[in-house]
Amino acid sequence: MPETYVRIAWPNGQETLVYSPSSIIREYFQPATELSLVDFQARCTQALDHASRRVQEVYGYECSASAAEKYRIDDAIKAFQPTDANQTVKILAINS
């Protein structure tokens, strides 16, 4: 269950990493794709919840870092207009 990072570019061009405690996040994102803010947020929530469940299966407790990452993503998205279809998040790379 290697930690995995998704490198993204926000609509304003700023790049950042999304942390996942599990490589399962690879099932939710593909490099060189663009997602609307709404779709990106939904996929992050699903992927990080899935990753946290995998941690719980192995270690007996959910991953608090995964929950914190979801809140960080939600806060970042609030800076943009999620209903604007022209605003997308670019998936640049996925690294373990």
Protein backbone atom coordinates (compact mmCIF):
# COMPACT_ATOMS: atom_id res chain seq x y z
CA MET A 1 0.00 0.00 0.00
CA PRO A 2 2.54 2.59 -1.08
CA GLU A 3 1.85 6.26 -0.55
CA THR A 4 0.96 7.84 -3.85
CA TYR A 5 0.95 11.46 -5.00
CA VAL A 6 -1.10 12.94 -7.81
CA ARG A 7 0.45 16.08 -9.24
CA ILE A 8 -2.25 18.47 -10.45
CA ALA A 9 -2.59 21.94 -11.92
CA TRP A 10 -5.47 24.05 -10.63
CA PRO A 11 -7.46 26.31 -13.00
CA ASN A 12 -5.12 29.20 -12.13
CA GLY A 13 -2.08 27.13 -13.18
CA GLN A 14 -0.76 26.56 -9.66
CA GLU A 15 0.60 23.04 -9.25
CA THR A 16 0.24 20.96 -6.12
CA LEU A 17 0.27 17.36 -4.93
CA VAL A 18 -2.67 15.32 -3.71
CA TYR A 19 -1.57 12.76 -1.12
CA SER A 20 -3.05 9.28 -0.86
CA PRO A 21 -1.98 6.62 1.65
CA SER A 22 -2.69 3.98 -0.98
CA SER A 23 -1.98 3.43 -4.65
CA ILE A 24 -5.71 2.77 -5.11
CA ILE A 25 -5.95 6.42 -6.16
CA ARG A 26 -4.53 5.34 -9.53
CA GLU A 27 -7.95 3.82 -10.28
CA TYR A 28 -9.57 7.25 -10.05
CA PHE A 29 -7.14 9.45 -12.01
CA GLN A 30 -5.15 9.18 -15.22
CA PRO A 31 -2.20 11.41 -16.15
CA ALA A 32 -2.69 13.86 -19.01
CA THR A 33 -6.41 14.29 -18.39
CA GLU A 34 -8.55 17.26 -17.36
CA LEU A 35 -11.53 17.12 -15.03
CA SER A 36 -14.10 19.70 -14.07
CA LEU A 37 -13.76 20.95 -10.51
CA VAL A 38 -16.94 19.09 -9.53
CA ASP A 39 -15.73 15.80 -11.02
CA PHE A 40 -12.26 16.24 -9.52
CA GLN A 41 -13.71 16.87 -6.07
CA ALA A 42 -16.02 13.85 -6.31
CA ARG A 43 -13.20 11.58 -7.45
CA CYS A 44 -10.91 12.83 -4.68
CA THR A 45 -13.57 12.09 -2.09
CA GLN A 46 -14.18 8.59 -3.45
CA ALA A 47 -10.49 7.79 -3.88
CA LEU A 48 -9.43 9.05 -0.46
CA ASP A 49 -12.33 7.27 1.26
CA HIS A 50 -11.34 4.08 -0.54
CA ALA A 51 -7.70 4.55 0.47
CA SER A 52 -8.68 5.13 4.08
CA ARG A 53 -10.74 1.92 4.11
CA ARG A 54 -7.72 0.02 2.79
CA VAL A 55 -5.61 1.42 5.62
CA GLN A 56 -8.29 0.36 8.09
CA GLU A 57 -8.30 -3.18 6.68
CA VAL A 58 -4.56 -3.48 7.19
CA TYR A 59 -3.95 -1.48 10.38
CA GLY A 60 -7.34 -1.47 12.10
CA TYR A 61 -7.93 2.29 11.94
CA GLU A 62 -8.82 4.82 9.27
CA CYS A 63 -6.20 7.15 7.85
CA SER A 64 -6.47 10.63 9.37
CA ALA A 65 -4.12 12.02 6.71
CA SER A 66 -6.58 10.92 4.03
CA ALA A 67 -9.41 12.78 5.75
CA ALA A 68 -7.22 15.87 6.14
CA GLU A 69 -6.37 15.74 2.44
CA LYS A 70 -10.09 15.69 1.54
CA TYR A 71 -10.66 18.83 3.61
CA ARG A 72 -7.63 20.53 2.04
CA ILE A 73 -8.95 19.78 -1.46
CA ASP A 74 -12.44 21.01 -0.52
CA ASP A 75 -11.00 24.26 0.82
CA ALA A 76 -8.87 24.78 -2.30
CA ILE A 77 -11.88 24.27 -4.58
CA LYS A 78 -13.82 26.97 -2.74
CA ALA A 79 -11.44 29.53 -4.27
CA PHE A 80 -12.85 28.72 -7.72
CA GLN A 81 -16.32 28.66 -9.24
CA PRO A 82 -17.14 24.92 -9.43
CA THR A 83 -20.10 25.54 -11.72
CA ASP A 84 -17.90 27.16 -14.38
CA ALA A 85 -17.33 24.37 -16.92
CA ASN A 86 -14.23 26.13 -18.25
CA GLN A 87 -12.40 25.65 -14.96
CA THR A 88 -10.65 22.32 -14.93
CA VAL A 89 -8.02 20.50 -12.93
CA LYS A 90 -5.25 18.92 -14.99
CA ILE A 91 -3.85 15.61 -13.83
CA LEU A 92 -0.14 15.93 -14.59
CA ALA A 93 1.42 12.81 -13.07
CA ILE A 94 0.96 10.05 -10.52
CA ASN A 95 3.97 8.93 -8.47
CA SER A 96 4.50 6.41 -5.71
